[in-house]
Amino acid sequence: MPHKFNADRRAKIPKQKRRVTNCAEYDECLRRRGDLTVWISEDALAVWSAPPRTTPGGQPVYSDLAI
């Protein structure tokens, strides 16, 4: 059996074409790329959690608004 079985069908990460020269700016761009801002009203926060469970165990129950 070959050393790298199915190597032709594996996902390959391409080599970087350009070298990063300004690391601080590059890192900031990566942080901004993943930024997501969500605004939630006070009314929504008030009814977010479901009423407490009366039975032991099981999965937690969430309110309809949260789902």
N, C-alpha and C. Protein backbone atom coordinates (compact mmCIF):
# COMPACT_ATOMS: atom_id res chain seq x y z
N MET A 1 0.85 -1.17 0.00
CA MET A 1 0.00 0.00 0.00
C MET A 1 0.90 1.24 0.00
N PRO A 2 0.56 2.23 -0.80
CA PRO A 2 1.40 3.44 -0.87
C PRO A 2 1.36 4.22 0.44
N HIS A 3 2.37 5.07 0.59
CA HIS A 3 2.50 5.86 1.80
C HIS A 3 1.31 6.81 1.99
N LYS A 4 0.92 7.49 0.94
CA LYS A 4 -0.20 8.44 1.02
C LYS A 4 -1.35 7.89 0.20
N PHE A 5 -2.18 7.11 0.83
CA PHE A 5 -3.31 6.49 0.18
C PHE A 5 -4.33 7.56 -0.23
N ASN A 6 -4.83 7.50 -1.44
CA ASN A 6 -5.80 8.46 -2.00
C ASN A 6 -5.26 9.89 -2.01
N ALA A 7 -3.97 10.07 -2.18
CA ALA A 7 -3.38 11.41 -2.14
C ALA A 7 -3.92 12.29 -3.26
N ASP A 8 -4.26 11.72 -4.39
CA ASP A 8 -4.76 12.53 -5.51
C ASP A 8 -6.16 13.06 -5.24
N ARG A 9 -6.89 12.46 -4.32
CA ARG A 9 -8.26 12.90 -4.03
C ARG A 9 -8.36 13.70 -2.74
N ARG A 10 -7.28 13.90 -2.04
CA ARG A 10 -7.30 14.67 -0.79
C ARG A 10 -7.38 16.16 -1.08
N ALA A 11 -7.92 16.90 -0.11
CA ALA A 11 -7.96 18.36 -0.24
C ALA A 11 -6.56 18.91 -0.11
N LYS A 12 -6.21 19.82 -0.98
CA LYS A 12 -4.88 20.40 -0.96
C LYS A 12 -4.96 21.89 -0.66
N ILE A 13 -4.10 22.34 0.22
CA ILE A 13 -4.03 23.76 0.54
C ILE A 13 -3.02 24.39 -0.39
N PRO A 14 -3.45 25.36 -1.21
CA PRO A 14 -2.50 25.96 -2.15
C PRO A 14 -1.45 26.79 -1.42
N LYS A 15 -0.27 26.88 -2.00
CA LYS A 15 0.80 27.69 -1.42
C LYS A 15 0.46 29.16 -1.58
N GLN A 16 0.92 29.95 -0.64
CA GLN A 16 0.67 31.38 -0.66
C GLN A 16 1.41 32.03 -1.81
N LYS A 17 0.69 32.85 -2.58
CA LYS A 17 1.28 33.47 -3.76
C LYS A 17 2.05 34.75 -3.42
N ARG A 18 1.58 35.47 -2.42
CA ARG A 18 2.24 36.73 -2.05
C ARG A 18 2.62 36.68 -0.58
N ARG A 19 3.69 37.33 -0.25
CA ARG A 19 4.15 37.38 1.13
C ARG A 19 3.52 38.58 1.84
N VAL A 20 3.08 38.39 3.08
CA VAL A 20 2.50 39.47 3.86
C VAL A 20 3.63 40.36 4.35
N THR A 21 3.55 41.66 4.02
CA THR A 21 4.61 42.58 4.43
C THR A 21 4.18 43.46 5.60
N ASN A 22 2.88 43.67 5.78
CA ASN A 22 2.39 44.48 6.88
C ASN A 22 1.51 43.60 7.76
N CYS A 23 2.14 42.93 8.71
CA CYS A 23 1.43 41.94 9.54
C CYS A 23 0.34 42.58 10.39
N ALA A 24 0.55 43.75 10.93
CA ALA A 24 -0.45 44.39 11.79
C ALA A 24 -1.72 44.69 11.01
N GLU A 25 -1.57 45.24 9.81
CA GLU A 25 -2.73 45.55 8.98
C GLU A 25 -3.44 44.28 8.54
N TYR A 26 -2.68 43.27 8.21
CA TYR A 26 -3.24 41.99 7.79
C TYR A 26 -4.05 41.36 8.93
N ASP A 27 -3.51 41.37 10.15
CA ASP A 27 -4.23 40.82 11.30
C ASP A 27 -5.51 41.57 11.57
N GLU A 28 -5.47 42.90 11.44
CA GLU A 28 -6.67 43.71 11.65
C GLU A 28 -7.74 43.39 10.60
N CYS A 29 -7.33 43.17 9.36
CA CYS A 29 -8.28 42.81 8.31
C CYS A 29 -8.94 41.46 8.61
N LEU A 30 -8.17 40.53 9.14
CA LEU A 30 -8.75 39.23 9.50
C LEU A 30 -9.75 39.37 10.62
N ARG A 31 -9.48 40.23 11.60
CA ARG A 31 -10.42 40.44 12.69
C ARG A 31 -11.70 41.08 12.20
N ARG A 32 -11.59 42.08 11.32
CA ARG A 32 -12.77 42.76 10.80
C ARG A 32 -13.60 41.86 9.90
N ARG A 33 -12.95 40.92 9.22
CA ARG A 33 -13.66 40.03 8.31
C ARG A 33 -14.65 39.15 9.06
N GLY A 34 -14.34 38.80 10.31
CA GLY A 34 -15.22 37.95 11.08
C GLY A 34 -16.15 38.70 12.01
N ASP A 35 -16.27 40.02 11.86
CA ASP A 35 -17.08 40.83 12.77
C ASP A 35 -18.55 40.73 12.40
N LEU A 36 -19.38 40.50 13.41
CA LEU A 36 -20.82 40.44 13.21
C LEU A 36 -21.47 41.16 14.38
N THR A 37 -22.22 42.20 14.11
CA THR A 37 -22.88 42.97 15.15
C THR A 37 -24.36 42.67 15.12
N VAL A 38 -24.92 42.30 16.27
CA VAL A 38 -26.34 41.97 16.38
C VAL A 38 -26.94 42.86 17.46
N TRP A 39 -28.03 43.52 17.13
CA TRP A 39 -28.73 44.37 18.08
C TRP A 39 -29.98 43.64 18.53
N ILE A 40 -30.16 43.51 19.86
CA ILE A 40 -31.32 42.84 20.43
C ILE A 40 -32.04 43.84 21.33
N SER A 41 -33.34 43.97 21.14
CA SER A 41 -34.10 44.95 21.92
C SER A 41 -34.28 44.46 23.36
N GLU A 42 -34.59 45.38 24.24
CA GLU A 42 -34.82 45.04 25.65
C GLU A 42 -36.04 44.14 25.80
N ASP A 43 -37.05 44.33 24.94
CA ASP A 43 -38.24 43.47 25.00
C ASP A 43 -37.90 42.02 24.67
N ALA A 44 -37.03 41.85 23.69
CA ALA A 44 -36.63 40.50 23.31
C ALA A 44 -35.82 39.84 24.43
N LEU A 45 -34.96 40.60 25.09
CA LEU A 45 -34.18 40.04 26.19
C LEU A 45 -35.06 39.62 27.36
N ALA A 46 -36.16 40.37 27.58
CA ALA A 46 -37.05 40.07 28.70
C ALA A 46 -37.73 38.71 28.54
N VAL A 47 -38.05 38.31 27.31
CA VAL A 47 -38.75 37.04 27.10
C VAL A 47 -37.85 35.99 26.46
N TRP A 48 -36.53 36.18 26.52
CA TRP A 48 -35.59 35.26 25.87
C TRP A 48 -35.60 33.89 26.54
N SER A 49 -35.50 33.87 27.87
CA SER A 49 -35.40 32.57 28.54
C SER A 49 -36.78 31.96 28.75
N ALA A 50 -36.81 30.66 28.66
CA ALA A 50 -38.06 29.91 28.81
C ALA A 50 -38.39 29.78 30.30
N PRO A 51 -39.62 29.45 30.62
CA PRO A 51 -39.97 29.22 32.02
C PRO A 51 -39.18 28.02 32.57
N PRO A 52 -38.90 27.98 33.86
CA PRO A 52 -38.11 26.89 34.41
C PRO A 52 -38.81 25.54 34.25
N ARG A 53 -38.01 24.48 34.10
CA ARG A 53 -38.56 23.14 33.93
C ARG A 53 -39.14 22.64 35.25
N THR A 54 -40.20 21.86 35.16
CA THR A 54 -40.80 21.27 36.36
C THR A 54 -40.44 19.80 36.48
N THR A 55 -39.86 19.21 35.43
CA THR A 55 -39.46 17.80 35.47
C THR A 55 -37.94 17.70 35.47
N PRO A 56 -37.39 16.67 36.11
CA PRO A 56 -35.94 16.53 36.13
C PRO A 56 -35.39 16.00 34.82
N GLY A 57 -34.14 16.37 34.52
CA GLY A 57 -33.44 15.83 33.36
C GLY A 57 -33.96 16.37 32.05
N GLY A 58 -33.51 15.74 30.97
CA GLY A 58 -33.95 16.12 29.63
C GLY A 58 -33.16 17.29 29.08
N GLN A 59 -33.49 17.66 27.88
CA GLN A 59 -32.83 18.76 27.21
C GLN A 59 -33.42 20.08 27.68
N PRO A 60 -32.62 21.16 27.69
CA PRO A 60 -33.17 22.46 28.09
C PRO A 60 -34.19 22.95 27.06
N VAL A 61 -35.18 23.65 27.55
CA VAL A 61 -36.24 24.17 26.68
C VAL A 61 -36.01 25.67 26.51
N TYR A 62 -36.04 26.12 25.27
CA TYR A 62 -35.84 27.53 24.97
C TYR A 62 -37.17 28.16 24.59
N SER A 63 -37.29 29.45 24.77
CA SER A 63 -38.52 30.13 24.39
C SER A 63 -38.66 30.17 22.88
N ASP A 64 -39.87 30.38 22.40
CA ASP A 64 -40.11 30.45 20.96
C ASP A 64 -39.36 31.60 20.33
N LEU A 65 -39.21 32.70 21.06
CA LEU A 65 -38.48 33.85 20.53
C LEU A 65 -37.02 33.53 20.32
N ALA A 66 -36.42 32.75 21.24
CA ALA A 66 -35.01 32.40 21.11
C ALA A 66 -34.78 31.48 19.93
N ILE A 67 -35.69 30.62 19.67
CA ILE A 67 -35.54 29.69 18.53
C ILE A 67 -35.79 30.42 17.25
